[in-house]
Structures are given as C-alpha cells and as structure tokens.
Amino acid sequence: MTLQEFFDLLVANPVWILAYFLLIPFTALLAGIFGKGEGDIDPWKYLYSALIYMVCVPGIFAVTLSVYVFVFERRSIFQTDVFTQILPVLSMIATLLLIRRNVDLDKVPGFDKITGLLMMLTAAFAFFWVLDKTHIWVVSYLPFWQGILIFIALLLVIRWGWGKLGKRQEGGDASLNTCDN
C-alpha cells in the first residue's frame, strides 16, 4: 500500500478522520472544564501530553506534506485535500489553544520535543528548498562566503531543533532518568 492509496482509503471513509480530529479537541475542552486550574498536576498534564502528541504528529505531518506538495511538486492549492491536509492542522491549532487556556505548555511533558521536531523539519525544508531553487550556474553568482554562511545557519538551526528534540525533561522523576540494574 502506498501513501496515496492510504490517503484515498481515508478520504473514502471520512467518518473515522472526522471522529478522530474532532474528538481530540473535544477531549481537551472537557479536560479544561473538569480540571480548571489543575492543568499542571499529574493526571491532567499527562492527558494533555497524550492529546498534544495525538494531534501534533498528524498535524505536523499534514503541514510537511502540504509544504512538500506546494513547493516541490508545484500542485495547485485547489487540489488540497480537506480531510488529510486541512483538518489535522485545524484540529492541532484548536487543541493547542484549548490546552493553553488551562496550562502553560512548557509544563506539559514532551511539548519541547514537538517544537524541536517542528524546528528541525522547518530547517530541513528550508535547506532542501534552497538546494532545489539554486542551480550550479546560479550558485556561481552568489559569493562563496554567503553560501557557506547560509549553509552553516541552516545546520545550526537543524542542530538546535535536534537538541530540543533530544533534551531530557528537567525536574522529572530521577528514577526515570537513571538505569538501575
């Protein structure tokens, strides 16, 4: 099964996509109502963390797919699929806004890793876009030192995003961070 076949299957049965991407913000809304002011204590912050991962991974994938399709394949915006490219992003934004109303996102475990992943993907896409748009004869018109500076800046952004992705949660349970044999 190819990715296109999988998307065709999802679009043929939109009830599942709609249920998934509407249930997550609804759960965040209910958690905000029932856990008002308690979003940074244990049961709620882990629920929020699960909701963020459940909605951000498909949302970031949808953004990445859309950028790829529009920038590299040069597809028309009118061919955008509502269920696989727009709904995940809208659900992600709605869920993050609802969660942010009850808890500071920096206190949600793993949120820094999601932002690191997003920064790393952004830097990688910028790097590949520059490679796609520049050709050998165009690069020769660009001063060599400027090309090196652009390359180093993109590598630093990728490294920074990778560092945020791999950074451990500080202030967590010490037994989780050590290996006891």
C-alpha atoms as a PDB file:
ATOM      1  CA  MET A   1       0.000   0.000   0.000  1.00  0.00           C
ATOM      2  CA  THR A   2       1.378   3.362  -0.995  1.00  0.00           C
ATOM      3  CA  LEU A   3       0.847   6.595   0.865  1.00  0.00           C
ATOM      4  CA  GLN A   4      -1.522   7.773  -1.867  1.00  0.00           C
ATOM      5  CA  GLU A   5      -3.586   4.577  -1.536  1.00  0.00           C
ATOM      6  CA  PHE A   6      -3.727   5.086   2.232  1.00  0.00           C
ATOM      7  CA  PHE A   7      -4.939   8.664   1.805  1.00  0.00           C
ATOM      8  CA  ASP A   8      -7.522   7.505  -0.737  1.00  0.00           C
ATOM      9  CA  LEU A   9      -8.753   4.936   1.779  1.00  0.00           C
ATOM     10  CA  LEU A  10      -9.026   7.603   4.476  1.00  0.00           C
ATOM     11  CA  VAL A  11     -10.862  10.011   2.205  1.00  0.00           C
ATOM     12  CA  ALA A  12     -13.255   7.237   1.132  1.00  0.00           C
ATOM     13  CA  ASN A  13     -14.204   6.779   4.820  1.00  0.00           C
ATOM     14  CA  PRO A  14     -14.150  10.323   6.237  1.00  0.00           C
ATOM     15  CA  VAL A  15     -16.150   9.377   9.351  1.00  0.00           C
ATOM     16  CA  TRP A  16     -13.032   7.976  11.021  1.00  0.00           C
ATOM     17  CA  ILE A  17     -10.936  11.045  10.248  1.00  0.00           C
ATOM     18  CA  LEU A  18     -13.666  13.411  11.406  1.00  0.00           C
ATOM     19  CA  ALA A  19     -14.239  11.433  14.600  1.00  0.00           C
ATOM     20  CA  TYR A  20     -10.523  11.377  15.435  1.00  0.00           C
ATOM     21  CA  PHE A  21      -9.812  15.027  14.735  1.00  0.00           C
ATOM     22  CA  LEU A  22     -12.988  16.288  16.422  1.00  0.00           C
ATOM     23  CA  LEU A  23     -12.699  14.013  19.459  1.00  0.00           C
ATOM     24  CA  ILE A  24      -9.250  15.283  20.454  1.00  0.00           C
ATOM     25  CA  PRO A  25     -10.179  18.994  20.761  1.00  0.00           C
ATOM     26  CA  PHE A  26     -13.437  17.971  22.448  1.00  0.00           C
ATOM     27  CA  THR A  27     -11.437  15.938  24.998  1.00  0.00           C
ATOM     28  CA  ALA A  28      -9.163  18.942  25.557  1.00  0.00           C
ATOM     29  CA  LEU A  29     -12.235  21.115  26.101  1.00  0.00           C
ATOM     30  CA  LEU A  30     -13.676  18.662  28.634  1.00  0.00           C
ATOM     31  CA  ALA A  31     -10.317  18.370  30.394  1.00  0.00           C
ATOM     32  CA  GLY A  32     -10.176  22.159  30.596  1.00  0.00           C
ATOM     33  CA  ILE A  33     -13.654  22.273  32.150  1.00  0.00           C
ATOM     34  CA  PHE A  34     -13.162  19.440  34.660  1.00  0.00           C
ATOM     35  CA  GLY A  35      -9.538  20.253  35.507  1.00  0.00           C
ATOM     36  CA  LYS A  36      -9.856  24.038  35.645  1.00  0.00           C
ATOM     37  CA  GLY A  37      -6.706  25.454  37.215  1.00  0.00           C
ATOM     38  CA  GLU A  38      -5.216  21.992  37.767  1.00  0.00           C
ATOM     39  CA  GLY A  39      -3.602  21.520  34.366  1.00  0.00           C
ATOM     40  CA  ASP A  40      -0.070  21.340  35.729  1.00  0.00           C
ATOM     41  CA  ILE A  41      -0.680  18.485  38.183  1.00  0.00           C
ATOM     42  CA  ASP A  42      -0.098  14.860  37.362  1.00  0.00           C
ATOM     43  CA  PRO A  43      -3.184  13.314  35.847  1.00  0.00           C
ATOM     44  CA  TRP A  44      -4.062  16.353  33.747  1.00  0.00           C
ATOM     45  CA  LYS A  45      -0.627  17.179  32.386  1.00  0.00           C
ATOM     46  CA  TYR A  46      -0.155  13.623  31.133  1.00  0.00           C
ATOM     47  CA  LEU A  47      -3.578  13.686  29.492  1.00  0.00           C
ATOM     48  CA  TYR A  48      -2.617  16.958  27.835  1.00  0.00           C
ATOM     49  CA  SER A  49       0.689  15.445  26.748  1.00  0.00           C
ATOM     50  CA  ALA A  50      -1.086  12.487  25.148  1.00  0.00           C
ATOM     51  CA  LEU A  51      -3.572  14.788  23.418  1.00  0.00           C
ATOM     52  CA  ILE A  52      -0.776  17.007  22.111  1.00  0.00           C
ATOM     53  CA  TYR A  53       1.113  14.057  20.649  1.00  0.00           C
ATOM     54  CA  MET A  54      -2.078  12.530  19.204  1.00  0.00           C
ATOM     55  CA  VAL A  55      -2.894  15.742  17.359  1.00  0.00           C
ATOM     56  CA  CYS A  56       0.535  17.266  16.659  1.00  0.00           C
ATOM     57  CA  VAL A  57       2.139  14.285  14.956  1.00  0.00           C
ATOM     58  CA  PRO A  58      -0.567  14.094  12.246  1.00  0.00           C
ATOM     59  CA  GLY A  59      -0.805  17.911  12.167  1.00  0.00           C
ATOM     60  CA  ILE A  60       2.918  18.374  11.617  1.00  0.00           C
ATOM     61  CA  PHE A  61       2.842  15.595   9.018  1.00  0.00           C
ATOM     62  CA  ALA A  62      -0.009  17.373   7.230  1.00  0.00           C
ATOM     63  CA  VAL A  63       1.898  20.660   7.238  1.00  0.00           C
ATOM     64  CA  THR A  64       5.031  18.913   5.986  1.00  0.00           C
ATOM     65  CA  LEU A  65       3.068  17.127   3.271  1.00  0.00           C
ATOM     66  CA  SER A  66       1.379  20.362   2.195  1.00  0.00           C
ATOM     67  CA  VAL A  67       4.667  22.246   2.016  1.00  0.00           C
ATOM     68  CA  TYR A  68       6.211  19.429   0.004  1.00  0.00           C
ATOM     69  CA  VAL A  69       3.271  19.244  -2.399  1.00  0.00           C
ATOM     70  CA  PHE A  70       3.056  23.004  -2.946  1.00  0.00           C
ATOM     71  CA  VAL A  71       6.774  23.818  -3.059  1.00  0.00           C
ATOM     72  CA  PHE A  72       8.380  20.813  -4.699  1.00  0.00           C
ATOM     73  CA  GLU A  73       5.577  19.289  -6.792  1.00  0.00           C
ATOM     74  CA  ARG A  74       4.026  22.690  -7.526  1.00  0.00           C
ATOM     75  CA  ARG A  75       0.491  21.360  -7.143  1.00  0.00           C
ATOM     76  CA  SER A  76      -2.410  23.800  -7.182  1.00  0.00           C
ATOM     77  CA  ILE A  77      -3.920  24.822  -3.866  1.00  0.00           C
ATOM     78  CA  PHE A  78      -7.311  23.824  -5.283  1.00  0.00           C
ATOM     79  CA  GLN A  79      -6.189  20.184  -5.166  1.00  0.00           C
ATOM     80  CA  THR A  80      -5.714  20.338  -1.393  1.00  0.00           C
ATOM     81  CA  ASP A  81      -7.465  17.502   0.407  1.00  0.00           C
ATOM     82  CA  VAL A  82      -9.615  18.830   3.243  1.00  0.00           C
ATOM     83  CA  PHE A  83      -9.518  15.629   5.316  1.00  0.00           C
ATOM     84  CA  THR A  84      -5.793  14.887   5.135  1.00  0.00           C
ATOM     85  CA  GLN A  85      -4.218  18.326   4.777  1.00  0.00           C
ATOM     86  CA  ILE A  86      -6.512  20.903   6.386  1.00  0.00           C
ATOM     87  CA  LEU A  87      -8.464  19.092   9.129  1.00  0.00           C
ATOM     88  CA  PRO A  88      -5.355  17.813  11.010  1.00  0.00           C
ATOM     89  CA  VAL A  89      -3.867  21.322  11.094  1.00  0.00           C
ATOM     90  CA  LEU A  90      -7.115  22.927  12.284  1.00  0.00           C
ATOM     91  CA  SER A  91      -7.538  20.237  14.927  1.00  0.00           C
ATOM     92  CA  MET A  92      -3.944  20.754  16.075  1.00  0.00           C
ATOM     93  CA  ILE A  93      -4.401  24.514  16.398  1.00  0.00           C
ATOM     94  CA  ALA A  94      -7.730  24.162  18.211  1.00  0.00           C
ATOM     95  CA  THR A  95      -6.353  21.562  20.633  1.00  0.00           C
ATOM     96  CA  LEU A  96      -3.247  23.604  21.447  1.00  0.00           C
ATOM     97  CA  LEU A  97      -5.350  26.720  22.044  1.00  0.00           C
ATOM     98  CA  LEU A  98      -7.746  24.831  24.320  1.00  0.00           C
ATOM     99  CA  ILE A  99      -4.921  23.240  26.297  1.00  0.00           C
ATOM    100  CA  ARG A 100      -3.061  26.537  26.584  1.00  0.00           C
ATOM    101  CA  ARG A 101      -6.086  28.081  28.288  1.00  0.00           C
ATOM    102  CA  ASN A 102      -5.667  25.717  31.252  1.00  0.00           C
ATOM    103  CA  VAL A 103      -1.938  25.045  31.472  1.00  0.00           C
ATOM    104  CA  ASP A 104       1.351  26.595  30.410  1.00  0.00           C
ATOM    105  CA  LEU A 105       2.558  24.419  27.525  1.00  0.00           C
ATOM    106  CA  ASP A 106       6.102  24.432  28.925  1.00  0.00           C
ATOM    107  CA  LYS A 107       4.778  22.389  31.883  1.00  0.00           C
ATOM    108  CA  VAL A 108       3.356  19.683  29.614  1.00  0.00           C
ATOM    109  CA  PRO A 109       5.801  16.768  29.347  1.00  0.00           C
ATOM    110  CA  GLY A 110       7.250  16.375  25.864  1.00  0.00           C
ATOM    111  CA  PHE A 111       5.989  19.637  24.383  1.00  0.00           C
ATOM    112  CA  ASP A 112       9.547  20.893  23.921  1.00  0.00           C
ATOM    113  CA  LYS A 113      10.278  17.816  21.813  1.00  0.00           C
ATOM    114  CA  ILE A 114       7.372  18.611  19.484  1.00  0.00           C
ATOM    115  CA  THR A 115       8.630  22.173  18.994  1.00  0.00           C
ATOM    116  CA  GLY A 116      12.140  20.827  18.392  1.00  0.00           C
ATOM    117  CA  LEU A 117      10.796  18.447  15.764  1.00  0.00           C
ATOM    118  CA  LEU A 118       8.942  21.298  14.088  1.00  0.00           C
ATOM    119  CA  MET A 119      12.072  23.487  14.031  1.00  0.00           C
ATOM    120  CA  MET A 120      14.168  20.636  12.652  1.00  0.00           C
ATOM    121  CA  LEU A 121      11.647  19.963   9.871  1.00  0.00           C
ATOM    122  CA  THR A 122      11.427  23.667   9.040  1.00  0.00           C
ATOM    123  CA  ALA A 123      15.189  23.975   8.769  1.00  0.00           C
ATOM    124  CA  ALA A 124      15.454  20.814   6.672  1.00  0.00           C
ATOM    125  CA  PHE A 125      12.736  22.024   4.298  1.00  0.00           C
ATOM    126  CA  ALA A 126      14.418  25.410   4.008  1.00  0.00           C
ATOM    127  CA  PHE A 127      17.700  23.673   3.216  1.00  0.00           C
ATOM    128  CA  PHE A 128      16.113  21.470   0.549  1.00  0.00           C
ATOM    129  CA  TRP A 129      14.195  24.406  -0.892  1.00  0.00           C
ATOM    130  CA  VAL A 130      17.456  26.344  -1.274  1.00  0.00           C
ATOM    131  CA  LEU A 131      19.022  23.303  -2.924  1.00  0.00           C
ATOM    132  CA  ASP A 132      16.010  22.948  -5.226  1.00  0.00           C
ATOM    133  CA  LYS A 133      15.939  26.605  -6.234  1.00  0.00           C
ATOM    134  CA  THR A 134      19.656  27.097  -6.713  1.00  0.00           C
ATOM    135  CA  HIS A 135      21.374  25.580  -9.673  1.00  0.00           C
ATOM    136  CA  ILE A 136      25.082  25.214 -10.326  1.00  0.00           C
ATOM    137  CA  TRP A 137      25.190  28.305 -12.522  1.00  0.00           C
ATOM    138  CA  VAL A 138      23.152  30.360 -10.025  1.00  0.00           C
ATOM    139  CA  VAL A 139      25.367  29.357  -7.118  1.00  0.00           C
ATOM    140  CA  SER A 140      28.364  30.704  -9.018  1.00  0.00           C
ATOM    141  CA  TYR A 141      26.786  34.198  -8.956  1.00  0.00           C
ATOM    142  CA  LEU A 142      26.379  34.008  -5.192  1.00  0.00           C
ATOM    143  CA  PRO A 143      29.577  34.858  -3.354  1.00  0.00           C
ATOM    144  CA  PHE A 144      31.043  31.720  -1.870  1.00  0.00           C
ATOM    145  CA  TRP A 145      31.172  33.109   1.671  1.00  0.00           C
ATOM    146  CA  GLN A 146      27.432  33.903   1.595  1.00  0.00           C
ATOM    147  CA  GLY A 147      26.616  30.372   0.522  1.00  0.00           C
ATOM    148  CA  ILE A 148      28.740  28.984   3.338  1.00  0.00           C
ATOM    149  CA  LEU A 149      27.046  31.301   5.863  1.00  0.00           C
ATOM    150  CA  ILE A 150      23.587  30.186   4.708  1.00  0.00           C
ATOM    151  CA  PHE A 151      24.642  26.544   4.923  1.00  0.00           C
ATOM    152  CA  ILE A 152      26.104  26.987   8.427  1.00  0.00           C
ATOM    153  CA  ALA A 153      22.999  28.863   9.632  1.00  0.00           C
ATOM    154  CA  LEU A 154      20.714  26.098   8.402  1.00  0.00           C
ATOM    155  CA  LEU A 155      22.895  23.446  10.015  1.00  0.00           C
ATOM    156  CA  LEU A 156      22.805  25.360  13.321  1.00  0.00           C
ATOM    157  CA  VAL A 157      19.010  25.563  13.202  1.00  0.00           C
ATOM    158  CA  ILE A 158      18.808  21.827  12.457  1.00  0.00           C
ATOM    159  CA  ARG A 159      21.210  21.130  15.341  1.00  0.00           C
ATOM    160  CA  TRP A 160      19.216  23.371  17.682  1.00  0.00           C
ATOM    161  CA  GLY A 161      15.978  21.611  16.730  1.00  0.00           C
ATOM    162  CA  TRP A 162      17.608  18.214  17.162  1.00  0.00           C
ATOM    163  CA  GLY A 163      18.898  19.297  20.583  1.00  0.00           C
ATOM    164  CA  LYS A 164      15.412  20.339  21.661  1.00  0.00           C
ATOM    165  CA  LEU A 165      14.051  17.060  20.349  1.00  0.00           C
ATOM    166  CA  GLY A 166      16.517  15.013  22.378  1.00  0.00           C
ATOM    167  CA  LYS A 167      16.590  17.167  25.518  1.00  0.00           C
ATOM    168  CA  ARG A 168      15.530  15.408  28.696  1.00  0.00           C
ATOM    169  CA  GLN A 169      12.682  16.706  30.838  1.00  0.00           C
ATOM    170  CA  GLU A 170      14.240  18.552  33.773  1.00  0.00           C
ATOM    171  CA  GLY A 171      12.785  18.280  37.239  1.00  0.00           C
ATOM    172  CA  GLY A 172      11.263  14.881  36.465  1.00  0.00           C
ATOM    173  CA  ASP A 173      11.456  11.701  38.461  1.00  0.00           C
ATOM    174  CA  ALA A 174      15.114  10.831  38.995  1.00  0.00           C
ATOM    175  CA  SER A 175      14.362   7.110  38.847  1.00  0.00           C
ATOM    176  CA  LEU A 176      13.195   7.520  35.258  1.00  0.00           C
ATOM    177  CA  ASN A 177      16.473   9.138  34.211  1.00  0.00           C
ATOM    178  CA  THR A 178      18.815   6.504  35.647  1.00  0.00           C
ATOM    179  CA  CYS A 179      19.345   2.873  34.824  1.00  0.00           C
ATOM    180  CA  ASP A 180      19.073   0.645  37.877  1.00  0.00           C
ATOM    181  CA  ASN A 181      20.359  -2.890  37.376  1.00  0.00           C
END
